[in-house]
PDB file of N, CA and C in Angstrom:
ATOM      1  N   MET A   1       0.837  -1.171   0.000  1.00  0.00           N
ATOM      2  CA  MET A   1       0.000   0.000   0.000  1.00  0.00           C
ATOM      3  C   MET A   1       0.880   1.231   0.000  1.00  0.00           C
ATOM      4  N   SER A   2       0.472   2.278  -0.669  1.00  0.00           N
ATOM      5  CA  SER A   2       1.238   3.511  -0.801  1.00  0.00           C
ATOM      6  C   SER A   2       1.141   4.360   0.447  1.00  0.00           C
ATOM      7  N   GLU A   3       2.209   5.138   0.673  1.00  0.00           N
ATOM      8  CA  GLU A   3       2.214   6.027   1.825  1.00  0.00           C
ATOM      9  C   GLU A   3       1.343   7.257   1.593  1.00  0.00           C
ATOM     10  N   ASN A   4       1.197   7.689   0.343  1.00  0.00           N
ATOM     11  CA  ASN A   4       0.435   8.895   0.042  1.00  0.00           C
ATOM     12  C   ASN A   4      -0.800   8.523  -0.758  1.00  0.00           C
ATOM     13  N   LYS A   5      -1.943   8.437  -0.099  1.00  0.00           N
ATOM     14  CA  LYS A   5      -3.185   8.045  -0.757  1.00  0.00           C
ATOM     15  C   LYS A   5      -3.686   9.112  -1.713  1.00  0.00           C
ATOM     16  N   GLU A   6      -3.306  10.376  -1.522  1.00  0.00           N
ATOM     17  CA  GLU A   6      -3.772  11.463  -2.380  1.00  0.00           C
ATOM     18  C   GLU A   6      -3.261  11.294  -3.805  1.00  0.00           C
ATOM     19  N   THR A   7      -2.035  10.836  -3.986  1.00  0.00           N
ATOM     20  CA  THR A   7      -1.497  10.685  -5.338  1.00  0.00           C
ATOM     21  C   THR A   7      -1.985   9.419  -6.012  1.00  0.00           C
ATOM     22  N   ASP A   8      -2.454   8.444  -5.235  1.00  0.00           N
ATOM     23  CA  ASP A   8      -2.955   7.199  -5.821  1.00  0.00           C
ATOM     24  C   ASP A   8      -4.332   7.374  -6.446  1.00  0.00           C
ATOM     25  N   ALA A   9      -5.163   8.190  -5.868  1.00  0.00           N
ATOM     26  CA  ALA A   9      -6.534   8.370  -6.360  1.00  0.00           C
ATOM     27  C   ALA A   9      -6.677   9.781  -6.922  1.00  0.00           C
ATOM     28  N   LEU A  10      -6.598   9.883  -8.237  1.00  0.00           N
ATOM     29  CA  LEU A  10      -6.746  11.188  -8.882  1.00  0.00           C
ATOM     30  C   LEU A  10      -8.221  11.443  -9.168  1.00  0.00           C
ATOM     31  N   GLU A  11      -8.645  12.625  -8.919  1.00  0.00           N
ATOM     32  CA  GLU A  11     -10.014  13.026  -9.234  1.00  0.00           C
ATOM     33  C   GLU A  11     -10.104  13.314 -10.731  1.00  0.00           C
ATOM     34  N   LEU A  12     -11.290  13.157 -11.312  1.00  0.00           N
ATOM     35  CA  LEU A  12     -11.482  13.412 -12.728  1.00  0.00           C
ATOM     36  C   LEU A  12     -11.102  14.826 -13.112  1.00  0.00           C
ATOM     37  N   ASN A  13     -11.454  15.807 -12.277  1.00  0.00           N
ATOM     38  CA  ASN A  13     -11.138  17.184 -12.638  1.00  0.00           C
ATOM     39  C   ASN A  13      -9.643  17.455 -12.627  1.00  0.00           C
ATOM     40  N   GLU A  14      -8.859  16.632 -11.999  1.00  0.00           N
ATOM     41  CA  GLU A  14      -7.403  16.787 -12.006  1.00  0.00           C
ATOM     42  C   GLU A  14      -6.821  16.323 -13.335  1.00  0.00           C
ATOM     43  N   LEU A  15      -7.512  15.425 -14.018  1.00  0.00           N
ATOM     44  CA  LEU A  15      -7.028  14.895 -15.289  1.00  0.00           C
ATOM     45  C   LEU A  15      -7.505  15.712 -16.480  1.00  0.00           C
ATOM     46  N   GLU A  16      -8.353  16.682 -16.267  1.00  0.00           N
ATOM     47  CA  GLU A  16      -8.922  17.462 -17.357  1.00  0.00           C
ATOM     48  C   GLU A  16      -7.806  18.061 -18.197  1.00  0.00           C
ATOM     49  N   GLY A  17      -7.907  17.894 -19.527  1.00  0.00           N
ATOM     50  CA  GLY A  17      -6.905  18.433 -20.431  1.00  0.00           C
ATOM     51  C   GLY A  17      -5.756  17.485 -20.705  1.00  0.00           C
ATOM     52  N   GLU A  18      -5.646  16.387 -19.949  1.00  0.00           N
ATOM     53  CA  GLU A  18      -4.578  15.428 -20.187  1.00  0.00           C
ATOM     54  C   GLU A  18      -5.083  14.332 -21.109  1.00  0.00           C
ATOM     55  N   THR A  19      -4.191  13.804 -21.936  1.00  0.00           N
ATOM     56  CA  THR A  19      -4.532  12.710 -22.839  1.00  0.00           C
ATOM     57  C   THR A  19      -3.948  11.432 -22.285  1.00  0.00           C
ATOM     58  N   PRO A  20      -4.753  10.372 -22.104  1.00  0.00           N
ATOM     59  CA  PRO A  20      -4.222   9.109 -21.602  1.00  0.00           C
ATOM     60  C   PRO A  20      -3.145   8.564 -22.535  1.00  0.00           C
ATOM     61  N   ALA A  21      -2.197   7.847 -21.969  1.00  0.00           N
ATOM     62  CA  ALA A  21      -1.115   7.275 -22.765  1.00  0.00           C
ATOM     63  C   ALA A  21      -1.689   6.386 -23.856  1.00  0.00           C
ATOM     64  N   GLY A  22      -1.217   6.556 -25.090  1.00  0.00           N
ATOM     65  CA  GLY A  22      -1.659   5.740 -26.209  1.00  0.00           C
ATOM     66  C   GLY A  22      -2.915   6.250 -26.884  1.00  0.00           C
ATOM     67  N   ALA A  23      -3.600   7.209 -26.293  1.00  0.00           N
ATOM     68  CA  ALA A  23      -4.819   7.730 -26.905  1.00  0.00           C
ATOM     69  C   ALA A  23      -4.491   8.962 -27.722  1.00  0.00           C
ATOM     70  N   ALA A  24      -5.184   9.111 -28.826  1.00  0.00           N
ATOM     71  CA  ALA A  24      -4.981  10.290 -29.668  1.00  0.00           C
ATOM     72  C   ALA A  24      -5.685  11.481 -29.041  1.00  0.00           C
ATOM     73  N   PRO A  25      -5.092  12.669 -29.106  1.00  0.00           N
ATOM     74  CA  PRO A  25      -5.760  13.852 -28.566  1.00  0.00           C
ATOM     75  C   PRO A  25      -7.000  14.171 -29.385  1.00  0.00           C
ATOM     76  N   GLU A  26      -8.009  14.732 -28.728  1.00  0.00           N
ATOM     77  CA  GLU A  26      -9.231  15.102 -29.426  1.00  0.00           C
ATOM     78  C   GLU A  26      -8.945  16.258 -30.361  1.00  0.00           C
ATOM     79  N   PRO A  27      -9.520  16.242 -31.574  1.00  0.00           N
ATOM     80  CA  PRO A  27      -9.302  17.363 -32.487  1.00  0.00           C
ATOM     81  C   PRO A  27      -9.993  18.610 -31.936  1.00  0.00           C
ATOM     82  N   SER A  28      -9.351  19.746 -32.135  1.00  0.00           N
ATOM     83  CA  SER A  28      -9.960  20.985 -31.654  1.00  0.00           C
ATOM     84  C   SER A  28     -11.116  21.359 -32.569  1.00  0.00           C
ATOM     85  N   SER A  29     -12.135  21.957 -31.991  1.00  0.00           N
ATOM     86  CA  SER A  29     -13.292  22.354 -32.787  1.00  0.00           C
ATOM     87  C   SER A  29     -12.955  23.622 -33.547  1.00  0.00           C
ATOM     88  N   PRO A  30     -13.635  23.894 -34.695  1.00  0.00           N
ATOM     89  CA  PRO A  30     -13.341  25.081 -35.480  1.00  0.00           C
ATOM     90  C   PRO A  30     -13.592  26.377 -34.706  1.00  0.00           C
ATOM     91  N   ALA A  31     -14.414  26.333 -33.664  1.00  0.00           N
ATOM     92  CA  ALA A  31     -14.723  27.542 -32.916  1.00  0.00           C
ATOM     93  C   ALA A  31     -13.602  27.917 -31.950  1.00  0.00           C
ATOM     94  N   GLU A  32     -12.718  26.955 -31.627  1.00  0.00           N
ATOM     95  CA  GLU A  32     -11.631  27.246 -30.703  1.00  0.00           C
ATOM     96  C   GLU A  32     -10.515  27.985 -31.441  1.00  0.00           C
ATOM     97  N   PRO A  33     -10.082  29.141 -30.928  1.00  0.00           N
ATOM     98  CA  PRO A  33      -9.010  29.868 -31.601  1.00  0.00           C
ATOM     99  C   PRO A  33      -7.682  29.155 -31.448  1.00  0.00           C
ATOM    100  N   ASP A  34      -6.880  29.196 -32.484  1.00  0.00           N
ATOM    101  CA  ASP A  34      -5.539  28.624 -32.458  1.00  0.00           C
ATOM    102  C   ASP A  34      -4.574  29.751 -32.163  1.00  0.00           C
ATOM    103  N   ALA A  35      -3.809  29.625 -31.098  1.00  0.00           N
ATOM    104  CA  ALA A  35      -2.921  30.694 -30.663  1.00  0.00           C
ATOM    105  C   ALA A  35      -1.925  31.081 -31.751  1.00  0.00           C
ATOM    106  N   GLY A  36      -1.524  30.147 -32.592  1.00  0.00           N
ATOM    107  CA  GLY A  36      -0.566  30.446 -33.646  1.00  0.00           C
ATOM    108  C   GLY A  36      -1.140  31.252 -34.794  1.00  0.00           C
ATOM    109  N   LEU A  37      -2.459  31.313 -34.898  1.00  0.00           N
ATOM    110  CA  LEU A  37      -3.098  32.017 -36.007  1.00  0.00           C
ATOM    111  C   LEU A  37      -3.646  33.389 -35.623  1.00  0.00           C
ATOM    112  N   GLU A  38      -3.501  33.792 -34.380  1.00  0.00           N
ATOM    113  CA  GLU A  38      -4.076  35.057 -33.929  1.00  0.00           C
ATOM    114  C   GLU A  38      -3.615  36.250 -34.754  1.00  0.00           C
ATOM    115  N   ALA A  39      -2.418  36.202 -35.291  1.00  0.00           N
ATOM    116  CA  ALA A  39      -1.880  37.323 -36.057  1.00  0.00           C
ATOM    117  C   ALA A  39      -2.634  37.570 -37.358  1.00  0.00           C
ATOM    118  N   VAL A  40      -3.321  36.550 -37.876  1.00  0.00           N
ATOM    119  CA  VAL A  40      -4.006  36.708 -39.166  1.00  0.00           C
ATOM    120  C   VAL A  40      -5.520  36.864 -39.034  1.00  0.00           C
ATOM    121  N   TYR A  41      -6.053  36.841 -37.817  1.00  0.00           N
ATOM    122  CA  TYR A  41      -7.502  36.910 -37.630  1.00  0.00           C
ATOM    123  C   TYR A  41      -8.131  38.182 -38.182  1.00  0.00           C
ATOM    124  N   ASP A  42      -7.425  39.292 -38.200  1.00  0.00           N
ATOM    125  CA  ASP A  42      -7.998  40.558 -38.627  1.00  0.00           C
ATOM    126  C   ASP A  42      -7.731  40.882 -40.092  1.00  0.00           C
ATOM    127  N   ILE A  43      -7.136  39.974 -40.844  1.00  0.00           N
ATOM    128  CA  ILE A  43      -6.876  40.220 -42.263  1.00  0.00           C
ATOM    129  C   ILE A  43      -8.175  39.991 -43.032  1.00  0.00           C
ATOM    130  N   PRO A  44      -8.635  40.990 -43.785  1.00  0.00           N
ATOM    131  CA  PRO A  44      -9.876  40.819 -44.544  1.00  0.00           C
ATOM    132  C   PRO A  44      -9.670  39.906 -45.760  1.00  0.00           C
ATOM    133  N   VAL A  45     -10.672  39.100 -46.054  1.00  0.00           N
ATOM    134  CA  VAL A  45     -10.670  38.254 -47.248  1.00  0.00           C
ATOM    135  C   VAL A  45     -11.981  38.462 -47.984  1.00  0.00           C
ATOM    136  N   LYS A  46     -11.978  38.220 -49.276  1.00  0.00           N
ATOM    137  CA  LYS A  46     -13.183  38.358 -50.092  1.00  0.00           C
ATOM    138  C   LYS A  46     -13.775  36.964 -50.301  1.00  0.00           C
ATOM    139  N   VAL A  47     -15.004  36.774 -49.855  1.00  0.00           N
ATOM    140  CA  VAL A  47     -15.690  35.495 -50.028  1.00  0.00           C
ATOM    141  C   VAL A  47     -16.770  35.684 -51.092  1.00  0.00           C
ATOM    142  N   SER A  48     -16.769  34.805 -52.102  1.00  0.00           N
ATOM    143  CA  SER A  48     -17.732  34.876 -53.195  1.00  0.00           C
ATOM    144  C   SER A  48     -18.406  33.530 -53.378  1.00  0.00           C
ATOM    145  N   ALA A  49     -19.665  33.568 -53.779  1.00  0.00           N
ATOM    146  CA  ALA A  49     -20.388  32.350 -54.133  1.00  0.00           C
ATOM    147  C   ALA A  49     -20.753  32.455 -55.607  1.00  0.00           C
ATOM    148  N   VAL A  50     -20.275  31.518 -56.406  1.00  0.00           N
ATOM    149  CA  VAL A  50     -20.494  31.552 -57.848  1.00  0.00           C
ATOM    150  C   VAL A  50     -21.610  30.585 -58.200  1.00  0.00           C
ATOM    151  N   LEU A  51     -22.727  31.149 -58.666  1.00  0.00           N
ATOM    152  CA  LEU A  51     -23.869  30.330 -59.066  1.00  0.00           C
ATOM    153  C   LEU A  51     -23.598  29.612 -60.375  1.00  0.00           C
ATOM    154  N   GLY A  52     -22.806  30.218 -61.220  1.00  0.00           N
ATOM    155  CA  GLY A  52     -22.487  29.651 -62.523  1.00  0.00           C
ATOM    156  C   GLY A  52     -21.790  30.697 -63.359  1.00  0.00           C
ATOM    157  N   THR A  53     -21.347  30.295 -64.533  1.00  0.00           N
ATOM    158  CA  THR A  53     -20.657  31.213 -65.439  1.00  0.00           C
ATOM    159  C   THR A  53     -21.183  31.030 -66.854  1.00  0.00           C
ATOM    160  N   CYS A  54     -20.848  31.981 -67.703  1.00  0.00           N
ATOM    161  CA  CYS A  54     -21.148  31.850 -69.127  1.00  0.00           C
ATOM    162  C   CYS A  54     -20.145  32.685 -69.905  1.00  0.00           C
ATOM    163  N   ASP A  55     -19.980  32.370 -71.158  1.00  0.00           N
ATOM    164  CA  ASP A  55     -19.103  33.137 -72.044  1.00  0.00           C
ATOM    165  C   ASP A  55     -19.990  33.922 -73.001  1.00  0.00           C
ATOM    166  N   LEU A  56     -19.741  35.214 -73.101  1.00  0.00           N
ATOM    167  CA  LEU A  56     -20.474  36.085 -74.013  1.00  0.00           C
ATOM    168  C   LEU A  56     -19.485  36.871 -74.856  1.00  0.00           C
ATOM    169  N   GLN A  57     -19.885  37.165 -76.069  1.00  0.00           N
ATOM    170  CA  GLN A  57     -19.104  38.090 -76.882  1.00  0.00           C
ATOM    171  C   GLN A  57     -19.547  39.504 -76.517  1.00  0.00           C
ATOM    172  N   ILE A  58     -18.702  40.475 -76.782  1.00  0.00           N
ATOM    173  CA  ILE A  58     -19.003  41.847 -76.384  1.00  0.00           C
ATOM    174  C   ILE A  58     -20.309  42.332 -77.004  1.00  0.00           C
ATOM    175  N   HIS A  59     -20.581  42.010 -78.257  1.00  0.00           N
ATOM    176  CA  HIS A  59     -21.832  42.480 -78.868  1.00  0.00           C
ATOM    177  C   HIS A  59     -23.052  41.881 -78.164  1.00  0.00           C
ATOM    178  N   GLN A  60     -22.930  40.636 -77.637  1.00  0.00           N
ATOM    179  CA  GLN A  60     -24.030  40.034 -76.876  1.00  0.00           C
ATOM    180  C   GLN A  60     -24.195  40.729 -75.530  1.00  0.00           C
ATOM    181  N   LEU A  61     -23.087  41.043 -74.898  1.00  0.00           N
ATOM    182  CA  LEU A  61     -23.112  41.734 -73.611  1.00  0.00           C
ATOM    183  C   LEU A  61     -23.770  43.103 -73.739  1.00  0.00           C
ATOM    184  N   LEU A  62     -23.453  43.817 -74.823  1.00  0.00           N
ATOM    185  CA  LEU A  62     -24.019  45.155 -75.033  1.00  0.00           C
ATOM    186  C   LEU A  62     -25.516  45.122 -75.306  1.00  0.00           C
ATOM    187  N   LYS A  63     -26.036  44.001 -75.785  1.00  0.00           N
ATOM    188  CA  LYS A  63     -27.471  43.871 -76.045  1.00  0.00           C
ATOM    189  C   LYS A  63     -28.286  43.589 -74.787  1.00  0.00           C
ATOM    190  N   LEU A  64     -27.605  43.209 -73.689  1.00  0.00           N
ATOM    191  CA  LEU A  64     -28.323  42.887 -72.459  1.00  0.00           C
ATOM    192  C   LEU A  64     -28.951  44.145 -71.880  1.00  0.00           C
ATOM    193  N   GLY A  65     -30.137  43.998 -71.395  1.00  0.00           N
ATOM    194  CA  GLY A  65     -30.829  45.109 -70.752  1.00  0.00           C
ATOM    195  C   GLY A  65     -31.664  44.585 -69.599  1.00  0.00           C
ATOM    196  N   ARG A  66     -32.442  45.468 -69.011  1.00  0.00           N
ATOM    197  CA  ARG A  66     -33.305  45.095 -67.895  1.00  0.00           C
ATOM    198  C   ARG A  66     -34.208  43.930 -68.293  1.00  0.00           C
ATOM    199  N   GLY A  67     -34.245  42.906 -67.459  1.00  0.00           N
ATOM    200  CA  GLY A  67     -35.087  41.739 -67.710  1.00  0.00           C
ATOM    201  C   GLY A  67     -34.432  40.673 -68.569  1.00  0.00           C
ATOM    202  N   ALA A  68     -33.219  40.929 -69.048  1.00  0.00           N
ATOM    203  CA  ALA A  68     -32.532  39.928 -69.868  1.00  0.00           C
ATOM    204  C   ALA A  68     -32.181  38.717 -69.000  1.00  0.00           C
ATOM    205  N   VAL A  69     -32.218  37.547 -69.611  1.00  0.00           N
ATOM    206  CA  VAL A  69     -31.864  36.312 -68.911  1.00  0.00           C
ATOM    207  C   VAL A  69     -30.560  35.795 -69.490  1.00  0.00           C
ATOM    208  N   VAL A  70     -29.612  35.525 -68.609  1.00  0.00           N
ATOM    209  CA  VAL A  70     -28.322  34.976 -69.024  1.00  0.00           C
ATOM    210  C   VAL A  70     -28.269  33.533 -68.551  1.00  0.00           C
ATOM    211  N   GLU A  71     -28.107  32.612 -69.472  1.00  0.00           N
ATOM    212  CA  GLU A  71     -28.062  31.191 -69.133  1.00  0.00           C
ATOM    213  C   GLU A  71     -26.682  30.842 -68.587  1.00  0.00           C
ATOM    214  N   LEU A  72     -26.663  30.206 -67.418  1.00  0.00           N
ATOM    215  CA  LEU A  72     -25.415  29.816 -66.770  1.00  0.00           C
ATOM    216  C   LEU A  72     -25.111  28.354 -67.044  1.00  0.00           C
ATOM    217  N   ASP A  73     -23.895  27.940 -66.730  1.00  0.00           N
ATOM    218  CA  ASP A  73     -23.456  26.568 -67.010  1.00  0.00           C
ATOM    219  C   ASP A  73     -23.803  25.570 -65.903  1.00  0.00           C
ATOM    220  N   ARG A  74     -24.670  25.945 -64.982  1.00  0.00           N
ATOM    221  CA  ARG A  74     -25.072  25.055 -63.883  1.00  0.00           C
ATOM    222  C   ARG A  74     -26.537  24.686 -64.009  1.00  0.00           C
ATOM    223  N   LYS A  75     -26.861  23.531 -63.463  1.00  0.00           N
ATOM    224  CA  LYS A  75     -28.256  23.085 -63.433  1.00  0.00           C
ATOM    225  C   LYS A  75     -28.874  23.459 -62.090  1.00  0.00           C
ATOM    226  N   VAL A  76     -30.198  23.514 -62.047  1.00  0.00           N
ATOM    227  CA  VAL A  76     -30.910  23.801 -60.807  1.00  0.00           C
ATOM    228  C   VAL A  76     -30.562  22.727 -59.781  1.00  0.00           C
ATOM    229  N   GLY A  77     -30.216  23.147 -58.567  1.00  0.00           N
ATOM    230  CA  GLY A  77     -29.880  22.212 -57.498  1.00  0.00           C
ATOM    231  C   GLY A  77     -28.421  21.798 -57.466  1.00  0.00           C
ATOM    232  N   GLU A  78     -27.648  22.160 -58.486  1.00  0.00           N
ATOM    233  CA  GLU A  78     -26.228  21.825 -58.511  1.00  0.00           C
ATOM    234  C   GLU A  78     -25.480  22.720 -57.528  1.00  0.00           C
ATOM    235  N   ALA A  79     -24.423  22.209 -56.944  1.00  0.00           N
ATOM    236  CA  ALA A  79     -23.649  22.954 -55.944  1.00  0.00           C
ATOM    237  C   ALA A  79     -23.058  24.229 -56.538  1.00  0.00           C
ATOM    238  N   VAL A  80     -22.972  25.261 -55.701  1.00  0.00           N
ATOM    239  CA  VAL A  80     -22.323  26.510 -56.099  1.00  0.00           C
ATOM    240  C   VAL A  80     -20.899  26.503 -55.566  1.00  0.00           C
ATOM    241  N   ASP A  81     -20.006  27.209 -56.250  1.00  0.00           N
ATOM    242  CA  ASP A  81     -18.615  27.296 -55.819  1.00  0.00           C
ATOM    243  C   ASP A  81     -18.465  28.405 -54.792  1.00  0.00           C
ATOM    244  N   ILE A  82     -17.690  28.153 -53.755  1.00  0.00           N
ATOM    245  CA  ILE A  82     -17.383  29.153 -52.737  1.00  0.00           C
ATOM    246  C   ILE A  82     -15.901  29.482 -52.879  1.00  0.00           C
ATOM    247  N   LEU A  83     -15.642  30.744 -53.189  1.00  0.00           N
ATOM    248  CA  LEU A  83     -14.280  31.207 -53.416  1.00  0.00           C
ATOM    249  C   LEU A  83     -13.852  32.126 -52.290  1.00  0.00           C
ATOM    250  N   VAL A  84     -12.601  32.011 -51.878  1.00  0.00           N
ATOM    251  CA  VAL A  84     -12.004  32.948 -50.937  1.00  0.00           C
ATOM    252  C   VAL A  84     -10.819  33.562 -51.654  1.00  0.00           C
ATOM    253  N   ASN A  85     -10.867  34.896 -51.810  1.00  0.00           N
ATOM    254  CA  ASN A  85      -9.847  35.612 -52.589  1.00  0.00           C
ATOM    255  C   ASN A  85      -9.652  34.969 -53.958  1.00  0.00           C
ATOM    256  N   ASP A  86     -10.760  34.670 -54.631  1.00  0.00           N
ATOM    257  CA  ASP A  86     -10.788  34.098 -55.981  1.00  0.00           C
ATOM    258  C   ASP A  86     -10.180  32.701 -56.074  1.00  0.00           C
ATOM    259  N   ARG A  87     -10.083  32.005 -54.954  1.00  0.00           N
ATOM    260  CA  ARG A  87      -9.581  30.633 -54.948  1.00  0.00           C
ATOM    261  C   ARG A  87     -10.684  29.701 -54.448  1.00  0.00           C
ATOM    262  N   LEU A  88     -10.963  28.637 -55.198  1.00  0.00           N
ATOM    263  CA  LEU A  88     -12.007  27.687 -54.827  1.00  0.00           C
ATOM    264  C   LEU A  88     -11.632  26.975 -53.537  1.00  0.00           C
ATOM    265  N   VAL A  89     -12.482  27.075 -52.508  1.00  0.00           N
ATOM    266  CA  VAL A  89     -12.202  26.409 -51.237  1.00  0.00           C
ATOM    267  C   VAL A  89     -13.310  25.447 -50.820  1.00  0.00           C
ATOM    268  N   ALA A  90     -14.524  25.635 -51.366  1.00  0.00           N
ATOM    269  CA  ALA A  90     -15.633  24.778 -50.947  1.00  0.00           C
ATOM    270  C   ALA A  90     -16.747  24.832 -51.973  1.00  0.00           C
ATOM    271  N   ARG A  91     -17.726  23.958 -51.785  1.00  0.00           N
ATOM    272  CA  ARG A  91     -18.955  23.975 -52.580  1.00  0.00           C
ATOM    273  C   ARG A  91     -20.119  23.947 -51.597  1.00  0.00           C
ATOM    274  N   GLY A  92     -21.252  24.462 -52.029  1.00  0.00           N
ATOM    275  CA  GLY A  92     -22.377  24.510 -51.117  1.00  0.00           C
ATOM    276  C   GLY A  92     -23.704  24.664 -51.827  1.00  0.00           C
ATOM    277  N   GLU A  93     -24.735  24.824 -51.011  1.00  0.00           N
ATOM    278  CA  GLU A  93     -26.098  24.986 -51.514  1.00  0.00           C
ATOM    279  C   GLU A  93     -26.637  26.348 -51.088  1.00  0.00           C
ATOM    280  N   VAL A  94     -27.441  26.933 -51.956  1.00  0.00           N
ATOM    281  CA  VAL A  94     -28.060  28.219 -51.648  1.00  0.00           C
ATOM    282  C   VAL A  94     -29.203  27.997 -50.658  1.00  0.00           C
ATOM    283  N   VAL A  95     -29.247  28.827 -49.614  1.00  0.00           N
ATOM    284  CA  VAL A  95     -30.326  28.774 -48.624  1.00  0.00           C
ATOM    285  C   VAL A  95     -30.846  30.185 -48.402  1.00  0.00           C
ATOM    286  N   ILE A  96     -32.020  30.285 -47.823  1.00  0.00           N
ATOM    287  CA  ILE A  96     -32.585  31.579 -47.470  1.00  0.00           C
ATOM    288  C   ILE A  96     -32.493  31.741 -45.959  1.00  0.00           C
ATOM    289  N   VAL A  97     -31.873  32.847 -45.526  1.00  0.00           N
ATOM    290  CA  VAL A  97     -31.725  33.155 -44.112  1.00  0.00           C
ATOM    291  C   VAL A  97     -32.479  34.454 -43.879  1.00  0.00           C
ATOM    292  N   GLU A  98     -33.639  34.347 -43.214  1.00  0.00           N
ATOM    293  CA  GLU A  98     -34.553  35.478 -43.046  1.00  0.00           C
ATOM    294  C   GLU A  98     -34.893  36.010 -44.435  1.00  0.00           C
ATOM    295  N   ASP A  99     -34.517  37.240 -44.766  1.00  0.00           N
ATOM    296  CA  ASP A  99     -34.827  37.791 -46.086  1.00  0.00           C
ATOM    297  C   ASP A  99     -33.618  37.841 -47.002  1.00  0.00           C
ATOM    298  N   LYS A 100     -32.562  37.116 -46.662  1.00  0.00           N
ATOM    299  CA  LYS A 100     -31.329  37.174 -47.441  1.00  0.00           C
ATOM    300  C   LYS A 100     -30.928  35.796 -47.923  1.00  0.00           C
ATOM    301  N   LEU A 101     -30.106  35.782 -48.966  1.00  0.00           N
ATOM    302  CA  LEU A 101     -29.560  34.525 -49.459  1.00  0.00           C
ATOM    303  C   LEU A 101     -28.316  34.168 -48.653  1.00  0.00           C
ATOM    304  N   GLY A 102     -28.082  32.883 -48.498  1.00  0.00           N
ATOM    305  CA  GLY A 102     -26.895  32.398 -47.822  1.00  0.00           C
ATOM    306  C   GLY A 102     -26.424  31.129 -48.496  1.00  0.00           C
ATOM    307  N   ILE A 103     -25.314  30.614 -48.023  1.00  0.00           N
ATOM    308  CA  ILE A 103     -24.745  29.385 -48.570  1.00  0.00           C
ATOM    309  C   ILE A 103     -24.458  28.429 -47.428  1.00  0.00           C
ATOM    310  N   THR A 104     -24.877  27.188 -47.571  1.00  0.00           N
ATOM    311  CA  THR A 104     -24.512  26.130 -46.640  1.00  0.00           C
ATOM    312  C   THR A 104     -23.393  25.328 -47.285  1.00  0.00           C
ATOM    313  N   MET A 105     -22.243  25.244 -46.603  1.00  0.00           N
ATOM    314  CA  MET A 105     -21.122  24.469 -47.159  1.00  0.00           C
ATOM    315  C   MET A 105     -21.437  22.986 -47.070  1.00  0.00           C
ATOM    316  N   THR A 106     -21.267  22.313 -48.190  1.00  0.00           N
ATOM    317  CA  THR A 106     -21.507  20.877 -48.239  1.00  0.00           C
ATOM    318  C   THR A 106     -20.243  20.081 -48.506  1.00  0.00           C
ATOM    319  N   GLU A 107     -19.202  20.770 -49.010  1.00  0.00           N
ATOM    320  CA  GLU A 107     -17.966  20.062 -49.366  1.00  0.00           C
ATOM    321  C   GLU A 107     -16.800  21.042 -49.281  1.00  0.00           C
ATOM    322  N   ILE A 108     -15.731  20.628 -48.637  1.00  0.00           N
ATOM    323  CA  ILE A 108     -14.492  21.414 -48.622  1.00  0.00           C
ATOM    324  C   ILE A 108     -13.602  20.877 -49.736  1.00  0.00           C
ATOM    325  N   VAL A 109     -13.091  21.764 -50.568  1.00  0.00           N
ATOM    326  CA  VAL A 109     -12.250  21.365 -51.691  1.00  0.00           C
ATOM    327  C   VAL A 109     -10.801  21.398 -51.245  1.00  0.00           C
ATOM    328  N   LYS A 110     -10.114  20.285 -51.392  1.00  0.00           N
ATOM    329  CA  LYS A 110      -8.705  20.211 -51.002  1.00  0.00           C
ATOM    330  C   LYS A 110      -7.857  20.911 -52.057  1.00  0.00           C
ATOM    331  N   SER A 111      -6.849  21.652 -51.583  1.00  0.00           N
ATOM    332  CA  SER A 111      -5.968  22.350 -52.513  1.00  0.00           C
ATOM    333  C   SER A 111      -5.096  21.351 -53.247  1.00  0.00           C
ATOM    334  N   ARG A 112      -4.702  21.720 -54.437  1.00  0.00           N
ATOM    335  CA  ARG A 112      -3.909  20.801 -55.262  1.00  0.00           C
ATOM    336  C   ARG A 112      -2.486  21.191 -55.272  1.00  0.00           C
TER     337      ARG A 112
END
């Protein structure tokens, strides 16, 4: 039997934050700030959602007016591209949030 019973029986709250030997640490959630990234948190980025694209000649572009319909290269229900600083990072679906349009991310695109 040990001389110091306090060190033999650890309370659960004493182990908080420790990873048992052989166990993988839990991944941090996206909401938790990473101390190494704090320097870039205030850098502005441009986020765009691309519903689709089309190619037009200048004479076709000049003919467009109010009420003109431009056919895009996407089908109804197809994922939209989410760009950050003009770089594809994800795909998603268009949703309505109150009276505004929004995007729900459905896929993260891995960089090549």
